[in-house]
Amino acid sequence: MSILSELNALLSPLLPVETGVFSEAAPDRYAVITPMTDSFELYTDDKPRHETQETRISLFDKGNYTSLKNQIVQSLIGSDFTITDRRYVGHEDDTGYHHYAIDVAKNYELEE
């Protein structure tokens, strides 16, 4: 299991989701998942056994994004993700989208 596959499964029933960049004509509301880091923060016996995967969920919405943001946050918390940051990035005047970012992390057993 990976953070990308879990987030895609969690978010795709709520809105269109892509990884890295939205490749089709963008709808009025969508999300882009951007991988940020994979690190070995927790390990024992000088050997990593778990990795922490971190991503940013960028929510783009031409309308009021607040209720969807709250729904996403509750879904993330309910699925044992750690939310490391949430912030309004700004309004993109050239596209008309509000951009809201949610950074998340989750620990996974290291695959061999």
PDB file of N, CA and C in Angstrom:
ATOM      1  N   MET A   1       0.849  -1.177   0.000  1.00  0.00           N
ATOM      2  CA  MET A   1       0.000   0.000   0.000  1.00  0.00           C
ATOM      3  C   MET A   1       0.893   1.238   0.000  1.00  0.00           C
ATOM      4  N   SER A   2       0.412   2.295  -0.635  1.00  0.00           N
ATOM      5  CA  SER A   2       1.139   3.556  -0.651  1.00  0.00           C
ATOM      6  C   SER A   2       0.176   4.698  -0.357  1.00  0.00           C
ATOM      7  N   ILE A   3       0.739   5.817  -0.006  1.00  0.00           N
ATOM      8  CA  ILE A   3      -0.086   6.977   0.313  1.00  0.00           C
ATOM      9  C   ILE A   3      -0.860   7.439  -0.915  1.00  0.00           C
ATOM     10  N   LEU A   4      -0.241   7.337  -2.096  1.00  0.00           N
ATOM     11  CA  LEU A   4      -0.929   7.762  -3.314  1.00  0.00           C
ATOM     12  C   LEU A   4      -2.159   6.911  -3.599  1.00  0.00           C
ATOM     13  N   SER A   5      -2.014   5.599  -3.473  1.00  0.00           N
ATOM     14  CA  SER A   5      -3.168   4.732  -3.747  1.00  0.00           C
ATOM     15  C   SER A   5      -4.265   4.938  -2.705  1.00  0.00           C
ATOM     16  N   GLU A   6      -3.895   5.117  -1.450  1.00  0.00           N
ATOM     17  CA  GLU A   6      -4.903   5.360  -0.410  1.00  0.00           C
ATOM     18  C   GLU A   6      -5.638   6.676  -0.624  1.00  0.00           C
ATOM     19  N   LEU A   7      -4.885   7.724  -0.971  1.00  0.00           N
ATOM     20  CA  LEU A   7      -5.517   9.025  -1.180  1.00  0.00           C
ATOM     21  C   LEU A   7      -6.414   9.022  -2.415  1.00  0.00           C
ATOM     22  N   ASN A   8      -5.981   8.360  -3.472  1.00  0.00           N
ATOM     23  CA  ASN A   8      -6.825   8.267  -4.663  1.00  0.00           C
ATOM     24  C   ASN A   8      -8.135   7.569  -4.340  1.00  0.00           C
ATOM     25  N   ALA A   9      -8.070   6.477  -3.600  1.00  0.00           N
ATOM     26  CA  ALA A   9      -9.279   5.744  -3.224  1.00  0.00           C
ATOM     27  C   ALA A   9     -10.173   6.582  -2.307  1.00  0.00           C
ATOM     28  N   LEU A  10      -9.576   7.355  -1.419  1.00  0.00           N
ATOM     29  CA  LEU A  10     -10.335   8.159  -0.462  1.00  0.00           C
ATOM     30  C   LEU A  10     -10.997   9.371  -1.128  1.00  0.00           C
ATOM     31  N   LEU A  11     -10.273  10.025  -2.039  1.00  0.00           N
ATOM     32  CA  LEU A  11     -10.756  11.283  -2.606  1.00  0.00           C
ATOM     33  C   LEU A  11     -11.577  11.135  -3.877  1.00  0.00           C
ATOM     34  N   SER A  12     -11.335  10.091  -4.664  1.00  0.00           N
ATOM     35  CA  SER A  12     -12.003   9.989  -5.969  1.00  0.00           C
ATOM     36  C   SER A  12     -13.533   9.909  -5.892  1.00  0.00           C
ATOM     37  N   PRO A  13     -14.138   9.390  -4.812  1.00  0.00           N
ATOM     38  CA  PRO A  13     -15.604   9.479  -4.749  1.00  0.00           C
ATOM     39  C   PRO A  13     -16.115  10.911  -4.516  1.00  0.00           C
ATOM     40  N   LEU A  14     -15.242  11.797  -4.038  1.00  0.00           N
ATOM     41  CA  LEU A  14     -15.654  13.161  -3.709  1.00  0.00           C
ATOM     42  C   LEU A  14     -15.481  14.145  -4.859  1.00  0.00           C
ATOM     43  N   LEU A  15     -14.434  13.943  -5.678  1.00  0.00           N
ATOM     44  CA  LEU A  15     -14.116  14.876  -6.748  1.00  0.00           C
ATOM     45  C   LEU A  15     -13.073  14.251  -7.670  1.00  0.00           C
ATOM     46  N   PRO A  16     -12.880  14.799  -8.874  1.00  0.00           N
ATOM     47  CA  PRO A  16     -11.829  14.281  -9.757  1.00  0.00           C
ATOM     48  C   PRO A  16     -10.453  14.506  -9.126  1.00  0.00           C
ATOM     49  N   VAL A  17      -9.583  13.485  -9.228  1.00  0.00           N
ATOM     50  CA  VAL A  17      -8.263  13.535  -8.602  1.00  0.00           C
ATOM     51  C   VAL A  17      -7.213  13.038  -9.594  1.00  0.00           C
ATOM     52  N   GLU A  18      -6.071  13.711  -9.627  1.00  0.00           N
ATOM     53  CA  GLU A  18      -4.932  13.228 -10.397  1.00  0.00           C
ATOM     54  C   GLU A  18      -3.664  13.430  -9.573  1.00  0.00           C
ATOM     55  N   THR A  19      -2.613  12.757  -9.996  1.00  0.00           N
ATOM     56  CA  THR A  19      -1.322  12.862  -9.316  1.00  0.00           C
ATOM     57  C   THR A  19      -0.396  13.741 -10.142  1.00  0.00           C
ATOM     58  N   GLY A  20       0.224  14.724  -9.495  1.00  0.00           N
ATOM     59  CA  GLY A  20       1.203  15.594 -10.140  1.00  0.00           C
ATOM     60  C   GLY A  20       0.593  16.792 -10.831  1.00  0.00           C
ATOM     61  N   VAL A  21      -0.254  16.551 -11.826  1.00  0.00           N
ATOM     62  CA  VAL A  21      -0.886  17.635 -12.579  1.00  0.00           C
ATOM     63  C   VAL A  21      -2.204  17.109 -13.142  1.00  0.00           C
ATOM     64  N   PHE A  22      -3.181  17.989 -13.266  1.00  0.00           N
ATOM     65  CA  PHE A  22      -4.456  17.576 -13.848  1.00  0.00           C
ATOM     66  C   PHE A  22      -4.292  17.616 -15.356  1.00  0.00           C
ATOM     67  N   SER A  23      -4.409  16.470 -16.015  1.00  0.00           N
ATOM     68  CA  SER A  23      -4.027  16.354 -17.418  1.00  0.00           C
ATOM     69  C   SER A  23      -5.152  16.657 -18.406  1.00  0.00           C
ATOM     70  N   GLU A  24      -6.394  16.624 -17.974  1.00  0.00           N
ATOM     71  CA  GLU A  24      -7.514  16.895 -18.872  1.00  0.00           C
ATOM     72  C   GLU A  24      -7.995  18.329 -18.663  1.00  0.00           C
ATOM     73  N   ALA A  25      -9.055  18.679 -19.370  1.00  0.00           N
ATOM     74  CA  ALA A  25      -9.670  19.982 -19.130  1.00  0.00           C
ATOM     75  C   ALA A  25     -10.176  19.994 -17.690  1.00  0.00           C
ATOM     76  N   ALA A  26      -9.755  20.976 -16.953  1.00  0.00           N
ATOM     77  CA  ALA A  26     -10.060  21.019 -15.519  1.00  0.00           C
ATOM     78  C   ALA A  26     -11.530  21.367 -15.279  1.00  0.00           C
ATOM     79  N   PRO A  27     -12.190  20.579 -14.402  1.00  0.00           N
ATOM     80  CA  PRO A  27     -13.565  20.932 -14.013  1.00  0.00           C
ATOM     81  C   PRO A  27     -13.546  22.085 -13.006  1.00  0.00           C
ATOM     82  N   ASP A  28     -14.707  22.501 -12.549  1.00  0.00           N
ATOM     83  CA  ASP A  28     -14.782  23.613 -11.594  1.00  0.00           C
ATOM     84  C   ASP A  28     -14.229  23.254 -10.223  1.00  0.00           C
ATOM     85  N   ARG A  29     -14.101  21.952  -9.939  1.00  0.00           N
ATOM     86  CA  ARG A  29     -13.600  21.497  -8.643  1.00  0.00           C
ATOM     87  C   ARG A  29     -12.806  20.221  -8.862  1.00  0.00           C
ATOM     88  N   TYR A  30     -11.556  20.211  -8.387  1.00  0.00           N
ATOM     89  CA  TYR A  30     -10.720  19.018  -8.535  1.00  0.00           C
ATOM     90  C   TYR A  30      -9.567  19.072  -7.541  1.00  0.00           C
ATOM     91  N   ALA A  31      -8.850  17.948  -7.435  1.00  0.00           N
ATOM     92  CA  ALA A  31      -7.687  17.881  -6.539  1.00  0.00           C
ATOM     93  C   ALA A  31      -6.500  17.291  -7.286  1.00  0.00           C
ATOM     94  N   VAL A  32      -5.322  17.742  -6.899  1.00  0.00           N
ATOM     95  CA  VAL A  32      -4.063  17.203  -7.415  1.00  0.00           C
ATOM     96  C   VAL A  32      -3.245  16.753  -6.209  1.00  0.00           C
ATOM     97  N   ILE A  33      -2.759  15.508  -6.270  1.00  0.00           N
ATOM     98  CA  ILE A  33      -1.922  14.964  -5.200  1.00  0.00           C
ATOM     99  C   ILE A  33      -0.470  15.029  -5.662  1.00  0.00           C
ATOM    100  N   THR A  34       0.375  15.670  -4.860  1.00  0.00           N
ATOM    101  CA  THR A  34       1.789  15.802  -5.197  1.00  0.00           C
ATOM    102  C   THR A  34       2.628  15.100  -4.141  1.00  0.00           C
ATOM    103  N   PRO A  35       3.371  14.052  -4.531  1.00  0.00           N
ATOM    104  CA  PRO A  35       4.269  13.401  -3.557  1.00  0.00           C
ATOM    105  C   PRO A  35       5.344  14.386  -3.113  1.00  0.00           C
ATOM    106  N   MET A  36       5.667  14.364  -1.806  1.00  0.00           N
ATOM    107  CA  MET A  36       6.677  15.292  -1.294  1.00  0.00           C
ATOM    108  C   MET A  36       7.910  14.561  -0.775  1.00  0.00           C
ATOM    109  N   THR A  37       7.744  13.659   0.190  1.00  0.00           N
ATOM    110  CA  THR A  37       8.909  12.961   0.748  1.00  0.00           C
ATOM    111  C   THR A  37       8.556  11.533   1.138  1.00  0.00           C
ATOM    112  N   ASP A  38       9.568  10.692   1.123  1.00  0.00           N
ATOM    113  CA  ASP A  38       9.539   9.353   1.712  1.00  0.00           C
ATOM    114  C   ASP A  38      10.755   9.309   2.625  1.00  0.00           C
ATOM    115  N   SER A  39      10.536   9.105   3.908  1.00  0.00           N
ATOM    116  CA  SER A  39      11.666   9.151   4.837  1.00  0.00           C
ATOM    117  C   SER A  39      11.614   7.994   5.820  1.00  0.00           C
ATOM    118  N   PHE A  40      12.754   7.725   6.434  1.00  0.00           N
ATOM    119  CA  PHE A  40      12.881   6.678   7.446  1.00  0.00           C
ATOM    120  C   PHE A  40      12.988   7.329   8.815  1.00  0.00           C
ATOM    121  N   GLU A  41      11.896   7.854   9.307  1.00  0.00           N
ATOM    122  CA  GLU A  41      11.927   8.555  10.591  1.00  0.00           C
ATOM    123  C   GLU A  41      11.840   7.611  11.776  1.00  0.00           C
ATOM    124  N   LEU A  42      11.206   6.469  11.592  1.00  0.00           N
ATOM    125  CA  LEU A  42      11.024   5.528  12.688  1.00  0.00           C
ATOM    126  C   LEU A  42      11.702   4.205  12.337  1.00  0.00           C
ATOM    127  N   TYR A  43      12.754   3.852  13.047  1.00  0.00           N
ATOM    128  CA  TYR A  43      13.363   2.544  12.806  1.00  0.00           C
ATOM    129  C   TYR A  43      14.165   2.107  14.016  1.00  0.00           C
ATOM    130  N   THR A  44      14.418   0.787  14.078  1.00  0.00           N
ATOM    131  CA  THR A  44      15.134   0.204  15.208  1.00  0.00           C
ATOM    132  C   THR A  44      16.259  -0.671  14.702  1.00  0.00           C
ATOM    133  N   ASP A  45      17.171  -1.019  15.606  1.00  0.00           N
ATOM    134  CA  ASP A  45      18.281  -1.913  15.269  1.00  0.00           C
ATOM    135  C   ASP A  45      19.069  -1.425  14.060  1.00  0.00           C
ATOM    136  N   ASP A  46      19.174  -0.098  13.913  1.00  0.00           N
ATOM    137  CA  ASP A  46      19.934   0.516  12.828  1.00  0.00           C
ATOM    138  C   ASP A  46      19.466   0.105  11.436  1.00  0.00           C
ATOM    139  N   LYS A  47      18.227  -0.340  11.333  1.00  0.00           N
ATOM    140  CA  LYS A  47      17.676  -0.744  10.050  1.00  0.00           C
ATOM    141  C   LYS A  47      16.237  -0.228   9.928  1.00  0.00           C
ATOM    142  N   PRO A  48      15.931   0.473   8.848  1.00  0.00           N
ATOM    143  CA  PRO A  48      14.554   0.959   8.695  1.00  0.00           C
ATOM    144  C   PRO A  48      13.566  -0.187   8.484  1.00  0.00           C
ATOM    145  N   ARG A  49      12.439  -0.090   9.150  1.00  0.00           N
ATOM    146  CA  ARG A  49      11.362  -1.061   8.975  1.00  0.00           C
ATOM    147  C   ARG A  49      10.069  -0.381   8.541  1.00  0.00           C
ATOM    148  N   HIS A  50      10.024   0.927   8.689  1.00  0.00           N
ATOM    149  CA  HIS A  50       8.867   1.722   8.285  1.00  0.00           C
ATOM    150  C   HIS A  50       9.359   2.950   7.544  1.00  0.00           C
ATOM    151  N   GLU A  51       8.519   3.440   6.676  1.00  0.00           N
ATOM    152  CA  GLU A  51       8.819   4.719   6.027  1.00  0.00           C
ATOM    153  C   GLU A  51       7.628   5.640   6.200  1.00  0.00           C
ATOM    154  N   THR A  52       7.915   6.912   6.298  1.00  0.00           N
ATOM    155  CA  THR A  52       6.872   7.922   6.375  1.00  0.00           C
ATOM    156  C   THR A  52       6.747   8.546   4.998  1.00  0.00           C
ATOM    157  N   GLN A  53       5.557   8.443   4.413  1.00  0.00           N
ATOM    158  CA  GLN A  53       5.297   9.034   3.104  1.00  0.00           C
ATOM    159  C   GLN A  53       4.467  10.297   3.302  1.00  0.00           C
ATOM    160  N   GLU A  54       4.863  11.364   2.606  1.00  0.00           N
ATOM    161  CA  GLU A  54       4.161  12.642   2.735  1.00  0.00           C
ATOM    162  C   GLU A  54       3.752  13.163   1.366  1.00  0.00           C
ATOM    163  N   THR A  55       2.561  13.742   1.307  1.00  0.00           N
ATOM    164  CA  THR A  55       2.064  14.335   0.068  1.00  0.00           C
ATOM    165  C   THR A  55       1.329  15.632   0.364  1.00  0.00           C
ATOM    166  N   ARG A  56       1.103  16.377  -0.701  1.00  0.00           N
ATOM    167  CA  ARG A  56       0.265  17.577  -0.610  1.00  0.00           C
ATOM    168  C   ARG A  56      -0.968  17.346  -1.475  1.00  0.00           C
ATOM    169  N   ILE A  57      -2.118  17.596  -0.892  1.00  0.00           N
ATOM    170  CA  ILE A  57      -3.371  17.576  -1.641  1.00  0.00           C
ATOM    171  C   ILE A  57      -3.701  19.026  -1.953  1.00  0.00           C
ATOM    172  N   SER A  58      -3.723  19.367  -3.229  1.00  0.00           N
ATOM    173  CA  SER A  58      -4.094  20.720  -3.642  1.00  0.00           C
ATOM    174  C   SER A  58      -5.525  20.682  -4.132  1.00  0.00           C
ATOM    175  N   LEU A  59      -6.388  21.370  -3.422  1.00  0.00           N
ATOM    176  CA  LEU A  59      -7.794  21.455  -3.766  1.00  0.00           C
ATOM    177  C   LEU A  59      -8.008  22.743  -4.564  1.00  0.00           C
ATOM    178  N   PHE A  60      -8.600  22.593  -5.748  1.00  0.00           N
ATOM    179  CA  PHE A  60      -8.900  23.748  -6.601  1.00  0.00           C
ATOM    180  C   PHE A  60     -10.415  23.817  -6.777  1.00  0.00           C
ATOM    181  N   ASP A  61     -10.983  24.986  -6.494  1.00  0.00           N
ATOM    182  CA  ASP A  61     -12.440  25.123  -6.551  1.00  0.00           C
ATOM    183  C   ASP A  61     -12.785  26.543  -6.993  1.00  0.00           C
ATOM    184  N   LYS A  62     -13.679  26.643  -7.968  1.00  0.00           N
ATOM    185  CA  LYS A  62     -14.102  27.959  -8.437  1.00  0.00           C
ATOM    186  C   LYS A  62     -15.204  28.549  -7.562  1.00  0.00           C
ATOM    187  N   GLY A  63     -15.749  27.758  -6.664  1.00  0.00           N
ATOM    188  CA  GLY A  63     -16.806  28.245  -5.773  1.00  0.00           C
ATOM    189  C   GLY A  63     -16.352  28.225  -4.330  1.00  0.00           C
ATOM    190  N   ASN A  64     -17.288  27.964  -3.439  1.00  0.00           N
ATOM    191  CA  ASN A  64     -16.985  27.900  -2.007  1.00  0.00           C
ATOM    192  C   ASN A  64     -16.426  26.508  -1.690  1.00  0.00           C
ATOM    193  N   TYR A  65     -15.170  26.441  -1.325  1.00  0.00           N
ATOM    194  CA  TYR A  65     -14.464  25.176  -1.087  1.00  0.00           C
ATOM    195  C   TYR A  65     -14.584  24.692   0.367  1.00  0.00           C
ATOM    196  N   THR A  66     -15.147  25.486   1.266  1.00  0.00           N
ATOM    197  CA  THR A  66     -15.085  25.211   2.699  1.00  0.00           C
ATOM    198  C   THR A  66     -15.716  23.877   3.098  1.00  0.00           C
ATOM    199  N   SER A  67     -16.910  23.585   2.626  1.00  0.00           N
ATOM    200  CA  SER A  67     -17.556  22.332   3.050  1.00  0.00           C
ATOM    201  C   SER A  67     -16.809  21.116   2.507  1.00  0.00           C
ATOM    202  N   LEU A  68     -16.317  21.179   1.279  1.00  0.00           N
ATOM    203  CA  LEU A  68     -15.542  20.072   0.727  1.00  0.00           C
ATOM    204  C   LEU A  68     -14.226  19.902   1.489  1.00  0.00           C
ATOM    205  N   LYS A  69     -13.577  20.999   1.819  1.00  0.00           N
ATOM    206  CA  LYS A  69     -12.344  20.940   2.605  1.00  0.00           C
ATOM    207  C   LYS A  69     -12.591  20.239   3.925  1.00  0.00           C
ATOM    208  N   ASN A  70     -13.668  20.602   4.606  1.00  0.00           N
ATOM    209  CA  ASN A  70     -13.989  19.980   5.890  1.00  0.00           C
ATOM    210  C   ASN A  70     -14.283  18.491   5.726  1.00  0.00           C
ATOM    211  N   GLN A  71     -14.971  18.129   4.669  1.00  0.00           N
ATOM    212  CA  GLN A  71     -15.269  16.720   4.399  1.00  0.00           C
ATOM    213  C   GLN A  71     -13.986  15.938   4.137  1.00  0.00           C
ATOM    214  N   ILE A  72     -13.075  16.514   3.376  1.00  0.00           N
ATOM    215  CA  ILE A  72     -11.787  15.858   3.104  1.00  0.00           C
ATOM    216  C   ILE A  72     -10.989  15.691   4.392  1.00  0.00           C
ATOM    217  N   VAL A  73     -10.923  16.728   5.213  1.00  0.00           N
ATOM    218  CA  VAL A  73     -10.182  16.664   6.475  1.00  0.00           C
ATOM    219  C   VAL A  73     -10.741  15.570   7.372  1.00  0.00           C
ATOM    220  N   GLN A  74     -12.066  15.499   7.496  1.00  0.00           N
ATOM    221  CA  GLN A  74     -12.675  14.457   8.335  1.00  0.00           C
ATOM    222  C   GLN A  74     -12.392  13.062   7.781  1.00  0.00           C
ATOM    223  N   SER A  75     -12.420  12.909   6.463  1.00  0.00           N
ATOM    224  CA  SER A  75     -12.096  11.616   5.841  1.00  0.00           C
ATOM    225  C   SER A  75     -10.648  11.231   6.099  1.00  0.00           C
ATOM    226  N   LEU A  76      -9.747  12.199   6.019  1.00  0.00           N
ATOM    227  CA  LEU A  76      -8.330  11.931   6.276  1.00  0.00           C
ATOM    228  C   LEU A  76      -8.106  11.496   7.719  1.00  0.00           C
ATOM    229  N   ILE A  77      -8.696  12.217   8.655  1.00  0.00           N
ATOM    230  CA  ILE A  77      -8.554  11.881  10.072  1.00  0.00           C
ATOM    231  C   ILE A  77      -9.139  10.503  10.343  1.00  0.00           C
ATOM    232  N   GLY A  78     -10.294  10.208   9.749  1.00  0.00           N
ATOM    233  CA  GLY A  78     -10.935   8.918   9.937  1.00  0.00           C
ATOM    234  C   GLY A  78     -10.173   7.758   9.323  1.00  0.00           C
ATOM    235  N   SER A  79      -9.262   8.059   8.402  1.00  0.00           N
ATOM    236  CA  SER A  79      -8.453   7.029   7.747  1.00  0.00           C
ATOM    237  C   SER A  79      -7.022   6.996   8.286  1.00  0.00           C
ATOM    238  N   ASP A  80      -6.795   7.589   9.456  1.00  0.00           N
ATOM    239  CA  ASP A  80      -5.517   7.556  10.170  1.00  0.00           C
ATOM    240  C   ASP A  80      -4.373   8.274   9.461  1.00  0.00           C
ATOM    241  N   PHE A  81      -4.688   9.305   8.683  1.00  0.00           N
ATOM    242  CA  PHE A  81      -3.632  10.148   8.119  1.00  0.00           C
ATOM    243  C   PHE A  81      -3.270  11.204   9.150  1.00  0.00           C
ATOM    244  N   THR A  82      -2.022  11.636   9.145  1.00  0.00           N
ATOM    245  CA  THR A  82      -1.590  12.756   9.962  1.00  0.00           C
ATOM    246  C   THR A  82      -1.601  13.994   9.080  1.00  0.00           C
ATOM    247  N   ILE A  83      -2.343  14.998   9.473  1.00  0.00           N
ATOM    248  CA  ILE A  83      -2.375  16.251   8.720  1.00  0.00           C
ATOM    249  C   ILE A  83      -1.275  17.133   9.290  1.00  0.00           C
ATOM    250  N   THR A  84      -0.285  17.449   8.458  1.00  0.00           N
ATOM    251  CA  THR A  84       0.868  18.213   8.926  1.00  0.00           C
ATOM    252  C   THR A  84       0.748  19.703   8.634  1.00  0.00           C
ATOM    253  N   ASP A  85      -0.157  20.071   7.707  1.00  0.00           N
ATOM    254  CA  ASP A  85      -0.347  21.490   7.407  1.00  0.00           C
ATOM    255  C   ASP A  85      -1.630  21.652   6.607  1.00  0.00           C
ATOM    256  N   ARG A  86      -2.313  22.754   6.826  1.00  0.00           N
ATOM    257  CA  ARG A  86      -3.475  23.147   6.033  1.00  0.00           C
ATOM    258  C   ARG A  86      -3.370  24.643   5.826  1.00  0.00           C
ATOM    259  N   ARG A  87      -3.572  25.074   4.571  1.00  0.00           N
ATOM    260  CA  ARG A  87      -3.486  26.513   4.336  1.00  0.00           C
ATOM    261  C   ARG A  87      -4.162  26.921   3.034  1.00  0.00           C
ATOM    262  N   TYR A  88      -4.703  28.108   3.079  1.00  0.00           N
ATOM    263  CA  TYR A  88      -5.250  28.719   1.874  1.00  0.00           C
ATOM    264  C   TYR A  88      -4.079  29.309   1.116  1.00  0.00           C
ATOM    265  N   VAL A  89      -3.859  28.830  -0.089  1.00  0.00           N
ATOM    266  CA  VAL A  89      -2.729  29.307  -0.893  1.00  0.00           C
ATOM    267  C   VAL A  89      -3.091  30.626  -1.558  1.00  0.00           C
ATOM    268  N   GLY A  90      -4.325  30.739  -2.027  1.00  0.00           N
ATOM    269  CA  GLY A  90      -4.757  32.000  -2.620  1.00  0.00           C
ATOM    270  C   GLY A  90      -5.748  31.786  -3.739  1.00  0.00           C
ATOM    271  N   HIS A  91      -6.232  32.894  -4.255  1.00  0.00           N
ATOM    272  CA  HIS A  91      -7.135  32.870  -5.405  1.00  0.00           C
ATOM    273  C   HIS A  91      -6.308  33.118  -6.650  1.00  0.00           C
ATOM    274  N   GLU A  92      -6.458  32.247  -7.627  1.00  0.00           N
ATOM    275  CA  GLU A  92      -5.726  32.393  -8.885  1.00  0.00           C
ATOM    276  C   GLU A  92      -6.599  33.214  -9.835  1.00  0.00           C
ATOM    277  N   ASP A  93      -6.279  34.486  -9.940  1.00  0.00           N
ATOM    278  CA  ASP A  93      -7.117  35.396 -10.714  1.00  0.00           C
ATOM    279  C   ASP A  93      -7.205  35.007 -12.186  1.00  0.00           C
ATOM    280  N   ASP A  94      -6.138  34.437 -12.720  1.00  0.00           N
ATOM    281  CA  ASP A  94      -6.140  34.089 -14.141  1.00  0.00           C
ATOM    282  C   ASP A  94      -7.028  32.881 -14.454  1.00  0.00           C
ATOM    283  N   THR A  95      -7.248  31.983 -13.482  1.00  0.00           N
ATOM    284  CA  THR A  95      -8.067  30.790 -13.715  1.00  0.00           C
ATOM    285  C   THR A  95      -9.401  30.844 -12.967  1.00  0.00           C
ATOM    286  N   GLY A  96      -9.490  31.653 -11.923  1.00  0.00           N
ATOM    287  CA  GLY A  96     -10.707  31.749 -11.130  1.00  0.00           C
ATOM    288  C   GLY A  96     -10.808  30.719 -10.014  1.00  0.00           C
ATOM    289  N   TYR A  97      -9.746  29.929  -9.798  1.00  0.00           N
ATOM    290  CA  TYR A  97      -9.770  28.894  -8.765  1.00  0.00           C
ATOM    291  C   TYR A  97      -9.264  29.422  -7.427  1.00  0.00           C
ATOM    292  N   HIS A  98      -9.932  28.972  -6.343  1.00  0.00           N
ATOM    293  CA  HIS A  98      -9.373  29.082  -5.007  1.00  0.00           C
ATOM    294  C   HIS A  98      -8.468  27.865  -4.851  1.00  0.00           C
ATOM    295  N   HIS A  99      -7.305  28.055  -4.262  1.00  0.00           N
ATOM    296  CA  HIS A  99      -6.349  26.955  -4.069  1.00  0.00           C
ATOM    297  C   HIS A  99      -6.143  26.767  -2.571  1.00  0.00           C
ATOM    298  N   TYR A 100      -6.466  25.571  -2.093  1.00  0.00           N
ATOM    299  CA  TYR A 100      -6.303  25.223  -0.688  1.00  0.00           C
ATOM    300  C   TYR A 100      -5.428  23.981  -0.617  1.00  0.00           C
ATOM    301  N   ALA A 101      -4.401  23.985   0.228  1.00  0.00           N
ATOM    302  CA  ALA A 101      -3.461  22.858   0.323  1.00  0.00           C
ATOM    303  C   ALA A 101      -3.585  22.160   1.671  1.00  0.00           C
ATOM    304  N   ILE A 102      -3.572  20.822   1.615  1.00  0.00           N
ATOM    305  CA  ILE A 102      -3.585  19.987   2.812  1.00  0.00           C
ATOM    306  C   ILE A 102      -2.407  19.031   2.697  1.00  0.00           C
ATOM    307  N   ASP A 103      -1.449  19.146   3.611  1.00  0.00           N
ATOM    308  CA  ASP A 103      -0.292  18.245   3.620  1.00  0.00           C
ATOM    309  C   ASP A 103      -0.571  17.105   4.586  1.00  0.00           C
ATOM    310  N   VAL A 104      -0.312  15.884   4.128  1.00  0.00           N
ATOM    311  CA  VAL A 104      -0.590  14.704   4.943  1.00  0.00           C
ATOM    312  C   VAL A 104       0.602  13.758   4.955  1.00  0.00           C
ATOM    313  N   ALA A 105       0.667  12.952   6.007  1.00  0.00           N
ATOM    314  CA  ALA A 105       1.727  11.942   6.149  1.00  0.00           C
ATOM    315  C   ALA A 105       1.106  10.672   6.705  1.00  0.00           C
ATOM    316  N   LYS A 106       1.751   9.542   6.378  1.00  0.00           N
ATOM    317  CA  LYS A 106       1.319   8.272   6.918  1.00  0.00           C
ATOM    318  C   LYS A 106       2.510   7.332   6.924  1.00  0.00           C
ATOM    319  N   ASN A 107       2.562   6.472   7.966  1.00  0.00           N
ATOM    320  CA  ASN A 107       3.639   5.490   8.088  1.00  0.00           C
ATOM    321  C   ASN A 107       3.219   4.178   7.455  1.00  0.00           C
ATOM    322  N   TYR A 108       4.178   3.562   6.755  1.00  0.00           N
ATOM    323  CA  TYR A 108       3.957   2.271   6.103  1.00  0.00           C
ATOM    324  C   TYR A 108       5.109   1.346   6.413  1.00  0.00           C
ATOM    325  N   GLU A 109       4.812   0.048   6.506  1.00  0.00           N
ATOM    326  CA  GLU A 109       5.896  -0.920   6.644  1.00  0.00           C
ATOM    327  C   GLU A 109       6.719  -0.909   5.378  1.00  0.00           C
ATOM    328  N   LEU A 110       8.011  -0.975   5.537  1.00  0.00           N
ATOM    329  CA  LEU A 110       8.909  -0.935   4.394  1.00  0.00           C
ATOM    330  C   LEU A 110       8.785  -2.217   3.596  1.00  0.00           C
ATOM    331  N   GLU A 111       8.517  -2.063   2.293  1.00  0.00           N
ATOM    332  CA  GLU A 111       8.411  -3.226   1.426  1.00  0.00           C
ATOM    333  C   GLU A 111       9.797  -3.651   0.981  1.00  0.00           C
ATOM    334  N   GLU A 112      10.009  -4.944   0.935  1.00  0.00           N
ATOM    335  CA  GLU A 112      11.336  -5.450   0.546  1.00  0.00           C
ATOM    336  C   GLU A 112      11.376  -5.787  -0.915  1.00  0.00           C
TER     337      GLU A 112
END
